[in-house]
Amino acid sequence: VDAGTADDAWRMQARTPAYCTDLDAR
């Protein structure tokens, strides 16, 4: 899943909804 630029990487850091939650692409 394209999560954007390095400036957007915070959206997948620890304790965000995308972090360690085993989700499908959608």
mmCIF file of all heavy atoms, coordinates in Angstrom:
data_MODEL
# 
_entry.id   MODEL 
# 
loop_
_atom_site.group_PDB 
_atom_site.id 
_atom_site.type_symbol 
_atom_site.label_atom_id 
_atom_site.label_alt_id 
_atom_site.label_comp_id 
_atom_site.label_asym_id 
_atom_site.label_entity_id 
_atom_site.label_seq_id 
_atom_site.pdbx_PDB_ins_code 
_atom_site.Cartn_x 
_atom_site.Cartn_y 
_atom_site.Cartn_z 
_atom_site.occupancy 
_atom_site.B_iso_or_equiv 
_atom_site.pdbx_formal_charge 
_atom_site.auth_seq_id 
_atom_site.auth_comp_id 
_atom_site.auth_asym_id 
_atom_site.auth_atom_id 
_atom_site.pdbx_PDB_model_num 
ATOM 1   N N   . VAL A 1 1  ? 0.869   -1.176  0.000  1.00 0.00 ? 1  VAL A N   1 
ATOM 2   C CA  . VAL A 1 1  ? 0.000   0.000   0.000  1.00 0.00 ? 1  VAL A CA  1 
ATOM 3   C C   . VAL A 1 1  ? 0.901   1.219   0.000  1.00 0.00 ? 1  VAL A C   1 
ATOM 4   O O   . VAL A 1 1  ? 1.748   1.385   0.890  1.00 0.00 ? 1  VAL A O   1 
ATOM 5   C CB  . VAL A 1 1  ? -0.933  0.019   1.231  1.00 0.00 ? 1  VAL A CB  1 
ATOM 6   C CG1 . VAL A 1 1  ? -1.642  1.356   1.359  1.00 0.00 ? 1  VAL A CG1 1 
ATOM 7   C CG2 . VAL A 1 1  ? -1.941  -1.119  1.137  1.00 0.00 ? 1  VAL A CG2 1 
ATOM 8   N N   . ASP A 1 2  ? 0.738   2.064   -1.006 1.00 0.00 ? 2  ASP A N   1 
ATOM 9   C CA  . ASP A 1 2  ? 1.529   3.284   -1.098 1.00 0.00 ? 2  ASP A CA  1 
ATOM 10  C C   . ASP A 1 2  ? 1.070   4.237   0.004  1.00 0.00 ? 2  ASP A C   1 
ATOM 11  O O   . ASP A 1 2  ? -0.054  4.718   -0.015 1.00 0.00 ? 2  ASP A O   1 
ATOM 12  C CB  . ASP A 1 2  ? 1.353   3.922   -2.474 1.00 0.00 ? 2  ASP A CB  1 
ATOM 13  C CG  . ASP A 1 2  ? 2.324   5.055   -2.721 1.00 0.00 ? 2  ASP A CG  1 
ATOM 14  O OD1 . ASP A 1 2  ? 2.778   5.687   -1.741 1.00 0.00 ? 2  ASP A OD1 1 
ATOM 15  O OD2 . ASP A 1 2  ? 2.620   5.323   -3.891 1.00 0.00 ? 2  ASP A OD2 1 
ATOM 16  N N   . ALA A 1 3  ? 1.961   4.478   0.960  1.00 0.00 ? 3  ALA A N   1 
ATOM 17  C CA  . ALA A 1 3  ? 1.633   5.327   2.106  1.00 0.00 ? 3  ALA A CA  1 
ATOM 18  C C   . ALA A 1 3  ? 2.178   6.738   1.942  1.00 0.00 ? 3  ALA A C   1 
ATOM 19  O O   . ALA A 1 3  ? 2.194   7.518   2.895  1.00 0.00 ? 3  ALA A O   1 
ATOM 20  C CB  . ALA A 1 3  ? 2.169   4.697   3.384  1.00 0.00 ? 3  ALA A CB  1 
ATOM 21  N N   . GLY A 1 4  ? 2.637   7.075   0.742  1.00 0.00 ? 4  GLY A N   1 
ATOM 22  C CA  . GLY A 1 4  ? 3.074   8.444   0.482  1.00 0.00 ? 4  GLY A CA  1 
ATOM 23  C C   . GLY A 1 4  ? 4.568   8.646   0.657  1.00 0.00 ? 4  GLY A C   1 
ATOM 24  O O   . GLY A 1 4  ? 5.357   7.711   0.550  1.00 0.00 ? 4  GLY A O   1 
ATOM 25  N N   . THR A 1 5  ? 4.930   9.878   0.932  1.00 0.00 ? 5  THR A N   1 
ATOM 26  C CA  . THR A 1 5  ? 6.339   10.252  1.052  1.00 0.00 ? 5  THR A CA  1 
ATOM 27  C C   . THR A 1 5  ? 6.845   9.979   2.469  1.00 0.00 ? 5  THR A C   1 
ATOM 28  O O   . THR A 1 5  ? 6.086   9.591   3.361  1.00 0.00 ? 5  THR A O   1 
ATOM 29  C CB  . THR A 1 5  ? 6.528   11.742  0.741  1.00 0.00 ? 5  THR A CB  1 
ATOM 30  O OG1 . THR A 1 5  ? 5.909   12.502  1.782  1.00 0.00 ? 5  THR A OG1 1 
ATOM 31  C CG2 . THR A 1 5  ? 5.942   12.119  -0.619 1.00 0.00 ? 5  THR A CG2 1 
ATOM 32  N N   . ALA A 1 6  ? 8.127   10.240  2.658  1.00 0.00 ? 6  ALA A N   1 
ATOM 33  C CA  . ALA A 1 6  ? 8.720   10.073  3.992  1.00 0.00 ? 6  ALA A CA  1 
ATOM 34  C C   . ALA A 1 6  ? 8.017   10.977  5.014  1.00 0.00 ? 6  ALA A C   1 
ATOM 35  O O   . ALA A 1 6  ? 7.898   10.612  6.185  1.00 0.00 ? 6  ALA A O   1 
ATOM 36  C CB  . ALA A 1 6  ? 10.210  10.369  3.936  1.00 0.00 ? 6  ALA A CB  1 
ATOM 37  N N   . ASP A 1 7  ? 7.531   12.128  4.558  1.00 0.00 ? 7  ASP A N   1 
ATOM 38  C CA  . ASP A 1 7  ? 6.801   13.016  5.471  1.00 0.00 ? 7  ASP A CA  1 
ATOM 39  C C   . ASP A 1 7  ? 5.496   12.401  5.954  1.00 0.00 ? 7  ASP A C   1 
ATOM 40  O O   . ASP A 1 7  ? 4.961   12.797  6.993  1.00 0.00 ? 7  ASP A O   1 
ATOM 41  C CB  . ASP A 1 7  ? 6.492   14.356  4.787  1.00 0.00 ? 7  ASP A CB  1 
ATOM 42  C CG  . ASP A 1 7  ? 7.731   15.198  4.586  1.00 0.00 ? 7  ASP A CG  1 
ATOM 43  O OD1 . ASP A 1 7  ? 8.751   14.979  5.296  1.00 0.00 ? 7  ASP A OD1 1 
ATOM 44  O OD2 . ASP A 1 7  ? 7.697   16.102  3.721  1.00 0.00 ? 7  ASP A OD2 1 
ATOM 45  N N   . ASP A 1 8  ? 4.970   11.424  5.220  1.00 0.00 ? 8  ASP A N   1 
ATOM 46  C CA  . ASP A 1 8  ? 3.721   10.753  5.596  1.00 0.00 ? 8  ASP A CA  1 
ATOM 47  C C   . ASP A 1 8  ? 3.955   9.513   6.453  1.00 0.00 ? 8  ASP A C   1 
ATOM 48  O O   . ASP A 1 8  ? 2.997   8.902   6.935  1.00 0.00 ? 8  ASP A O   1 
ATOM 49  C CB  . ASP A 1 8  ? 2.959   10.332  4.333  1.00 0.00 ? 8  ASP A CB  1 
ATOM 50  C CG  . ASP A 1 8  ? 2.582   11.506  3.457  1.00 0.00 ? 8  ASP A CG  1 
ATOM 51  O OD1 . ASP A 1 8  ? 2.070   12.497  3.999  1.00 0.00 ? 8  ASP A OD1 1 
ATOM 52  O OD2 . ASP A 1 8  ? 2.814   11.431  2.236  1.00 0.00 ? 8  ASP A OD2 1 
ATOM 53  N N   . ALA A 1 9  ? 5.202   9.124   6.651  1.00 0.00 ? 9  ALA A N   1 
ATOM 54  C CA  . ALA A 1 9  ? 5.514   7.872   7.343  1.00 0.00 ? 9  ALA A CA  1 
ATOM 55  C C   . ALA A 1 9  ? 5.007   7.841   8.779  1.00 0.00 ? 9  ALA A C   1 
ATOM 56  O O   . ALA A 1 9  ? 4.765   6.765   9.325  1.00 0.00 ? 9  ALA A O   1 
ATOM 57  C CB  . ALA A 1 9  ? 7.018   7.618   7.312  1.00 0.00 ? 9  ALA A CB  1 
ATOM 58  N N   . TRP A 1 10 ? 4.794   8.988   9.401  1.00 0.00 ? 10 TRP A N   1 
ATOM 59  C CA  . TRP A 1 10 ? 4.280   9.010   10.778 1.00 0.00 ? 10 TRP A CA  1 
ATOM 60  C C   . TRP A 1 10 ? 2.927   8.299   10.865 1.00 0.00 ? 10 TRP A C   1 
ATOM 61  O O   . TRP A 1 10 ? 2.556   7.780   11.910 1.00 0.00 ? 10 TRP A O   1 
ATOM 62  C CB  . TRP A 1 10 ? 4.151   10.441  11.304 1.00 0.00 ? 10 TRP A CB  1 
ATOM 63  C CG  . TRP A 1 10 ? 3.059   11.231  10.653 1.00 0.00 ? 10 TRP A CG  1 
ATOM 64  C CD1 . TRP A 1 10 ? 3.166   12.017  9.536  1.00 0.00 ? 10 TRP A CD1 1 
ATOM 65  C CD2 . TRP A 1 10 ? 1.703   11.294  11.067 1.00 0.00 ? 10 TRP A CD2 1 
ATOM 66  N NE1 . TRP A 1 10 ? 1.941   12.547  9.219  1.00 0.00 ? 10 TRP A NE1 1 
ATOM 67  C CE2 . TRP A 1 10 ? 1.023   12.129  10.155 1.00 0.00 ? 10 TRP A CE2 1 
ATOM 68  C CE3 . TRP A 1 10 ? 0.982   10.722  12.111 1.00 0.00 ? 10 TRP A CE3 1 
ATOM 69  C CZ2 . TRP A 1 10 ? -0.339  12.406  10.268 1.00 0.00 ? 10 TRP A CZ2 1 
ATOM 70  C CZ3 . TRP A 1 10 ? -0.370  11.007  12.218 1.00 0.00 ? 10 TRP A CZ3 1 
ATOM 71  C CH2 . TRP A 1 10 ? -1.014  11.841  11.301 1.00 0.00 ? 10 TRP A CH2 1 
ATOM 72  N N   . ARG A 1 11 ? 2.202   8.208   9.756  1.00 0.00 ? 11 ARG A N   1 
ATOM 73  C CA  . ARG A 1 11 ? 0.879   7.579   9.750  1.00 0.00 ? 11 ARG A CA  1 
ATOM 74  C C   . ARG A 1 11 ? 0.935   6.066   9.971  1.00 0.00 ? 11 ARG A C   1 
ATOM 75  O O   . ARG A 1 11 ? -0.085  5.439   10.201 1.00 0.00 ? 11 ARG A O   1 
ATOM 76  C CB  . ARG A 1 11 ? 0.159   7.871   8.433  1.00 0.00 ? 11 ARG A CB  1 
ATOM 77  C CG  . ARG A 1 11 ? -0.164  9.335   8.270  1.00 0.00 ? 11 ARG A CG  1 
ATOM 78  C CD  . ARG A 1 11 ? -0.933  9.612   6.990  1.00 0.00 ? 11 ARG A CD  1 
ATOM 79  N NE  . ARG A 1 11 ? -1.302  10.995  6.940  1.00 0.00 ? 11 ARG A NE  1 
ATOM 80  C CZ  . ARG A 1 11 ? -2.321  11.547  7.589  1.00 0.00 ? 11 ARG A CZ  1 
ATOM 81  N NH1 . ARG A 1 11 ? -3.097  10.818  8.329  1.00 0.00 ? 11 ARG A NH1 1 
ATOM 82  N NH2 . ARG A 1 11 ? -2.573  12.834  7.482  1.00 0.00 ? 11 ARG A NH2 1 
ATOM 83  N N   . MET A 1 12 ? 2.145   5.496   9.920  1.00 0.00 ? 12 MET A N   1 
ATOM 84  C CA  . MET A 1 12 ? 2.279   4.050   10.152 1.00 0.00 ? 12 MET A CA  1 
ATOM 85  C C   . MET A 1 12 ? 3.209   3.759   11.317 1.00 0.00 ? 12 MET A C   1 
ATOM 86  O O   . MET A 1 12 ? 3.617   2.626   11.518 1.00 0.00 ? 12 MET A O   1 
ATOM 87  C CB  . MET A 1 12 ? 2.744   3.351   8.881  1.00 0.00 ? 12 MET A CB  1 
ATOM 88  C CG  . MET A 1 12 ? 4.064   3.806   8.343  1.00 0.00 ? 12 MET A CG  1 
ATOM 89  S SD  . MET A 1 12 ? 4.457   2.858   6.865  1.00 0.00 ? 12 MET A SD  1 
ATOM 90  C CE  . MET A 1 12 ? 5.478   4.015   6.002  1.00 0.00 ? 12 MET A CE  1 
ATOM 91  N N   . GLN A 1 13 ? 3.535   4.770   12.093 1.00 0.00 ? 13 GLN A N   1 
ATOM 92  C CA  . GLN A 1 13 ? 4.408   4.568   13.234 1.00 0.00 ? 13 GLN A CA  1 
ATOM 93  C C   . GLN A 1 13 ? 3.658   3.939   14.407 1.00 0.00 ? 13 GLN A C   1 
ATOM 94  O O   . GLN A 1 13 ? 2.429   3.809   14.390 1.00 0.00 ? 13 GLN A O   1 
ATOM 95  C CB  . GLN A 1 13 ? 5.033   5.899   13.652 1.00 0.00 ? 13 GLN A CB  1 
ATOM 96  C CG  . GLN A 1 13 ? 6.042   6.402   12.644 1.00 0.00 ? 13 GLN A CG  1 
ATOM 97  C CD  . GLN A 1 13 ? 6.628   7.744   13.019 1.00 0.00 ? 13 GLN A CD  1 
ATOM 98  O OE1 . GLN A 1 13 ? 6.154   8.417   13.921 1.00 0.00 ? 13 GLN A OE1 1 
ATOM 99  N NE2 . GLN A 1 13 ? 7.667   8.144   12.304 1.00 0.00 ? 13 GLN A NE2 1 
ATOM 100 N N   . ALA A 1 14 ? 4.412   3.587   15.414 1.00 0.00 ? 14 ALA A N   1 
ATOM 101 C CA  . ALA A 1 14 ? 3.865   2.910   16.596 1.00 0.00 ? 14 ALA A CA  1 
ATOM 102 C C   . ALA A 1 14 ? 2.619   3.604   17.131 1.00 0.00 ? 14 ALA A C   1 
ATOM 103 O O   . ALA A 1 14 ? 2.584   4.820   17.285 1.00 0.00 ? 14 ALA A O   1 
ATOM 104 C CB  . ALA A 1 14 ? 4.923   2.834   17.690 1.00 0.00 ? 14 ALA A CB  1 
ATOM 105 N N   . ARG A 1 15 ? 1.609   2.775   17.345 1.00 0.00 ? 15 ARG A N   1 
ATOM 106 C CA  . ARG A 1 15 ? 0.336   3.135   17.988 1.00 0.00 ? 15 ARG A CA  1 
ATOM 107 C C   . ARG A 1 15 ? -0.610  3.950   17.115 1.00 0.00 ? 15 ARG A C   1 
ATOM 108 O O   . ARG A 1 15 ? -1.577  4.506   17.594 1.00 0.00 ? 15 ARG A O   1 
ATOM 109 C CB  . ARG A 1 15 ? 0.550   3.819   19.329 1.00 0.00 ? 15 ARG A CB  1 
ATOM 110 C CG  . ARG A 1 15 ? 1.496   3.111   20.264 1.00 0.00 ? 15 ARG A CG  1 
ATOM 111 C CD  . ARG A 1 15 ? 1.131   1.660   20.500 1.00 0.00 ? 15 ARG A CD  1 
ATOM 112 N NE  . ARG A 1 15 ? 2.190   1.042   21.274 1.00 0.00 ? 15 ARG A NE  1 
ATOM 113 C CZ  . ARG A 1 15 ? 2.731   -0.132  20.990 1.00 0.00 ? 15 ARG A CZ  1 
ATOM 114 N NH1 . ARG A 1 15 ? 2.309   -0.835  19.983 1.00 0.00 ? 15 ARG A NH1 1 
ATOM 115 N NH2 . ARG A 1 15 ? 3.695   -0.611  21.726 1.00 0.00 ? 15 ARG A NH2 1 
ATOM 116 N N   . THR A 1 16 ? -0.333  4.010   15.810 1.00 0.00 ? 16 THR A N   1 
ATOM 117 C CA  . THR A 1 16 ? -1.332  4.542   14.885 1.00 0.00 ? 16 THR A CA  1 
ATOM 118 C C   . THR A 1 16 ? -2.219  3.369   14.458 1.00 0.00 ? 16 THR A C   1 
ATOM 119 O O   . THR A 1 16 ? -1.848  2.214   14.637 1.00 0.00 ? 16 THR A O   1 
ATOM 120 C CB  . THR A 1 16 ? -0.670  5.175   13.642 1.00 0.00 ? 16 THR A CB  1 
ATOM 121 O OG1 . THR A 1 16 ? 0.064   4.166   12.949 1.00 0.00 ? 16 THR A OG1 1 
ATOM 122 C CG2 . THR A 1 16 ? 0.228   6.354   14.016 1.00 0.00 ? 16 THR A CG2 1 
ATOM 123 N N   . PRO A 1 17 ? -3.389  3.628   13.873 1.00 0.00 ? 17 PRO A N   1 
ATOM 124 C CA  . PRO A 1 17 ? -4.269  2.536   13.461 1.00 0.00 ? 17 PRO A CA  1 
ATOM 125 C C   . PRO A 1 17 ? -3.639  1.573   12.450 1.00 0.00 ? 17 PRO A C   1 
ATOM 126 O O   . PRO A 1 17 ? -4.066  0.425   12.350 1.00 0.00 ? 17 PRO A O   1 
ATOM 127 C CB  . PRO A 1 17 ? -5.473  3.255   12.856 1.00 0.00 ? 17 PRO A CB  1 
ATOM 128 C CG  . PRO A 1 17 ? -5.511  4.565   13.565 1.00 0.00 ? 17 PRO A CG  1 
ATOM 129 C CD  . PRO A 1 17 ? -4.052  4.937   13.751 1.00 0.00 ? 17 PRO A CD  1 
ATOM 130 N N   . ALA A 1 18 ? -2.608  2.005   11.736 1.00 0.00 ? 18 ALA A N   1 
ATOM 131 C CA  . ALA A 1 18 ? -1.961  1.141   10.740 1.00 0.00 ? 18 ALA A CA  1 
ATOM 132 C C   . ALA A 1 18 ? -0.844  0.294   11.336 1.00 0.00 ? 18 ALA A C   1 
ATOM 133 O O   . ALA A 1 18 ? -0.346  -0.604  10.680 1.00 0.00 ? 18 ALA A O   1 
ATOM 134 C CB  . ALA A 1 18 ? -1.393  1.992   9.602  1.00 0.00 ? 18 ALA A CB  1 
ATOM 135 N N   . TYR A 1 19 ? -0.463  0.557   12.571 1.00 0.00 ? 19 TYR A N   1 
ATOM 136 C CA  . TYR A 1 19 ? 0.696   -0.097  13.181 1.00 0.00 ? 19 TYR A CA  1 
ATOM 137 C C   . TYR A 1 19 ? 0.325   -1.412  13.847 1.00 0.00 ? 19 TYR A C   1 
ATOM 138 O O   . TYR A 1 19 ? -0.516  -1.450  14.748 1.00 0.00 ? 19 TYR A O   1 
ATOM 139 C CB  . TYR A 1 19 ? 1.323   0.833   14.224 1.00 0.00 ? 19 TYR A CB  1 
ATOM 140 C CG  . TYR A 1 19 ? 2.483   0.225   14.966 1.00 0.00 ? 19 TYR A CG  1 
ATOM 141 C CD1 . TYR A 1 19 ? 3.748   0.192   14.400 1.00 0.00 ? 19 TYR A CD1 1 
ATOM 142 C CD2 . TYR A 1 19 ? 2.316   -0.305  16.231 1.00 0.00 ? 19 TYR A CD2 1 
ATOM 143 C CE1 . TYR A 1 19 ? 4.817   -0.366  15.073 1.00 0.00 ? 19 TYR A CE1 1 
ATOM 144 C CE2 . TYR A 1 19 ? 3.379   -0.866  16.921 1.00 0.00 ? 19 TYR A CE2 1 
ATOM 145 C CZ  . TYR A 1 19 ? 4.622   -0.888  16.344 1.00 0.00 ? 19 TYR A CZ  1 
ATOM 146 O OH  . TYR A 1 19 ? 5.677   -1.434  17.014 1.00 0.00 ? 19 TYR A OH  1 
ATOM 147 N N   . CYS A 1 20 ? 0.930   -2.494  13.387 1.00 0.00 ? 20 CYS A N   1 
ATOM 148 C CA  . CYS A 1 20 ? 0.804   -3.809  14.031 1.00 0.00 ? 20 CYS A CA  1 
ATOM 149 C C   . CYS A 1 20 ? -0.659  -4.194  14.241 1.00 0.00 ? 20 CYS A C   1 
ATOM 150 O O   . CYS A 1 20 ? -1.070  -4.574  15.331 1.00 0.00 ? 20 CYS A O   1 
ATOM 151 C CB  . CYS A 1 20 ? 1.566   -3.797  15.353 1.00 0.00 ? 20 CYS A CB  1 
ATOM 152 S SG  . CYS A 1 20 ? 1.816   -5.427  16.067 1.00 0.00 ? 20 CYS A SG  1 
ATOM 153 N N   . THR A 1 21 ? -1.456  -4.070  13.158 1.00 0.00 ? 21 THR A N   1 
ATOM 154 C CA  . THR A 1 21 ? -2.878  -4.382  13.259 1.00 0.00 ? 21 THR A CA  1 
ATOM 155 C C   . THR A 1 21 ? -3.341  -5.393  12.217 1.00 0.00 ? 21 THR A C   1 
ATOM 156 O O   . THR A 1 21 ? -4.520  -5.715  12.167 1.00 0.00 ? 21 THR A O   1 
ATOM 157 C CB  . THR A 1 21 ? -3.732  -3.099  13.171 1.00 0.00 ? 21 THR A CB  1 
ATOM 158 O OG1 . THR A 1 21 ? -3.329  -2.324  12.045 1.00 0.00 ? 21 THR A OG1 1 
ATOM 159 C CG2 . THR A 1 21 ? -3.600  -2.260  14.429 1.00 0.00 ? 21 THR A CG2 1 
ATOM 160 N N   . ASP A 1 22 ? -2.436  -5.916  11.394 1.00 0.00 ? 22 ASP A N   1 
ATOM 161 C CA  . ASP A 1 22 ? -2.738  -6.974  10.427 1.00 0.00 ? 22 ASP A CA  1 
ATOM 162 C C   . ASP A 1 22 ? -4.013  -6.704  9.628  1.00 0.00 ? 22 ASP A C   1 
ATOM 163 O O   . ASP A 1 22 ? -5.030  -7.364  9.791  1.00 0.00 ? 22 ASP A O   1 
ATOM 164 C CB  . ASP A 1 22 ? -2.838  -8.336  11.126 1.00 0.00 ? 22 ASP A CB  1 
ATOM 165 C CG  . ASP A 1 22 ? -1.489  -8.904  11.489 1.00 0.00 ? 22 ASP A CG  1 
ATOM 166 O OD1 . ASP A 1 22 ? -0.463  -8.250  11.212 1.00 0.00 ? 22 ASP A OD1 1 
ATOM 167 O OD2 . ASP A 1 22 ? -1.443  -10.014 12.043 1.00 0.00 ? 22 ASP A OD2 1 
ATOM 168 N N   . LEU A 1 23 ? -3.942  -5.742  8.725  1.00 0.00 ? 23 LEU A N   1 
ATOM 169 C CA  . LEU A 1 23 ? -5.091  -5.330  7.925  1.00 0.00 ? 23 LEU A CA  1 
ATOM 170 C C   . LEU A 1 23 ? -4.902  -5.710  6.467  1.00 0.00 ? 23 LEU A C   1 
ATOM 171 O O   . LEU A 1 23 ? -3.771  -5.829  5.985  1.00 0.00 ? 23 LEU A O   1 
ATOM 172 C CB  . LEU A 1 23 ? -5.268  -3.806  8.028  1.00 0.00 ? 23 LEU A CB  1 
ATOM 173 C CG  . LEU A 1 23 ? -5.439  -3.251  9.435  1.00 0.00 ? 23 LEU A CG  1 
ATOM 174 C CD1 . LEU A 1 23 ? -5.427  -1.725  9.404  1.00 0.00 ? 23 LEU A CD1 1 
ATOM 175 C CD2 . LEU A 1 23 ? -6.716  -3.768  10.070 1.00 0.00 ? 23 LEU A CD2 1 
ATOM 176 N N   . ASP A 1 24 ? -6.017  -5.847  5.743  1.00 0.00 ? 24 ASP A N   1 
ATOM 177 C CA  . ASP A 1 24 ? -5.917  -6.027  4.299  1.00 0.00 ? 24 ASP A CA  1 
ATOM 178 C C   . ASP A 1 24 ? -5.692  -4.653  3.660  1.00 0.00 ? 24 ASP A C   1 
ATOM 179 O O   . ASP A 1 24 ? -5.697  -3.624  4.351  1.00 0.00 ? 24 ASP A O   1 
ATOM 180 C CB  . ASP A 1 24 ? -7.139  -6.760  3.735  1.00 0.00 ? 24 ASP A CB  1 
ATOM 181 C CG  . ASP A 1 24 ? -8.444  -5.995  3.839  1.00 0.00 ? 24 ASP A CG  1 
ATOM 182 O OD1 . ASP A 1 24 ? -8.451  -4.732  3.832  1.00 0.00 ? 24 ASP A OD1 1 
ATOM 183 O OD2 . ASP A 1 24 ? -9.499  -6.657  3.910  1.00 0.00 ? 24 ASP A OD2 1 
ATOM 184 N N   . ALA A 1 25 ? -5.498  -4.616  2.358  1.00 0.00 ? 25 ALA A N   1 
ATOM 185 C CA  . ALA A 1 25 ? -5.134  -3.366  1.674  1.00 0.00 ? 25 ALA A CA  1 
ATOM 186 C C   . ALA A 1 25 ? -6.202  -2.284  1.836  1.00 0.00 ? 25 ALA A C   1 
ATOM 187 O O   . ALA A 1 25 ? -5.871  -1.125  2.107  1.00 0.00 ? 25 ALA A O   1 
ATOM 188 C CB  . ALA A 1 25 ? -4.851  -3.630  0.199  1.00 0.00 ? 25 ALA A CB  1 
ATOM 189 N N   . ARG A 1 26 ? -7.461  -2.640  1.688  1.00 0.00 ? 26 ARG A N   1 
ATOM 190 C CA  . ARG A 1 26 ? -8.530  -1.644  1.829  1.00 0.00 ? 26 ARG A CA  1 
ATOM 191 C C   . ARG A 1 26 ? -8.567  -1.088  3.249  1.00 0.00 ? 26 ARG A C   1 
ATOM 192 O O   . ARG A 1 26 ? -8.634  0.132   3.446  1.00 0.00 ? 26 ARG A O   1 
ATOM 193 C CB  . ARG A 1 26 ? -9.881  -2.264  1.471  1.00 0.00 ? 26 ARG A CB  1 
ATOM 194 C CG  . ARG A 1 26 ? -11.045 -1.283  1.504  1.00 0.00 ? 26 ARG A CG  1 
ATOM 195 C CD  . ARG A 1 26 ? -12.384 -1.968  1.231  1.00 0.00 ? 26 ARG A CD  1 
ATOM 196 N NE  . ARG A 1 26 ? -12.633 -3.091  2.117  1.00 0.00 ? 26 ARG A NE  1 
ATOM 197 C CZ  . ARG A 1 26 ? -13.035 -2.980  3.388  1.00 0.00 ? 26 ARG A CZ  1 
ATOM 198 N NH1 . ARG A 1 26 ? -13.209 -1.800  3.928  1.00 0.00 ? 26 ARG A NH1 1 
ATOM 199 N NH2 . ARG A 1 26 ? -13.236 -4.052  4.125  1.00 0.00 ? 26 ARG A NH2 1 
# 
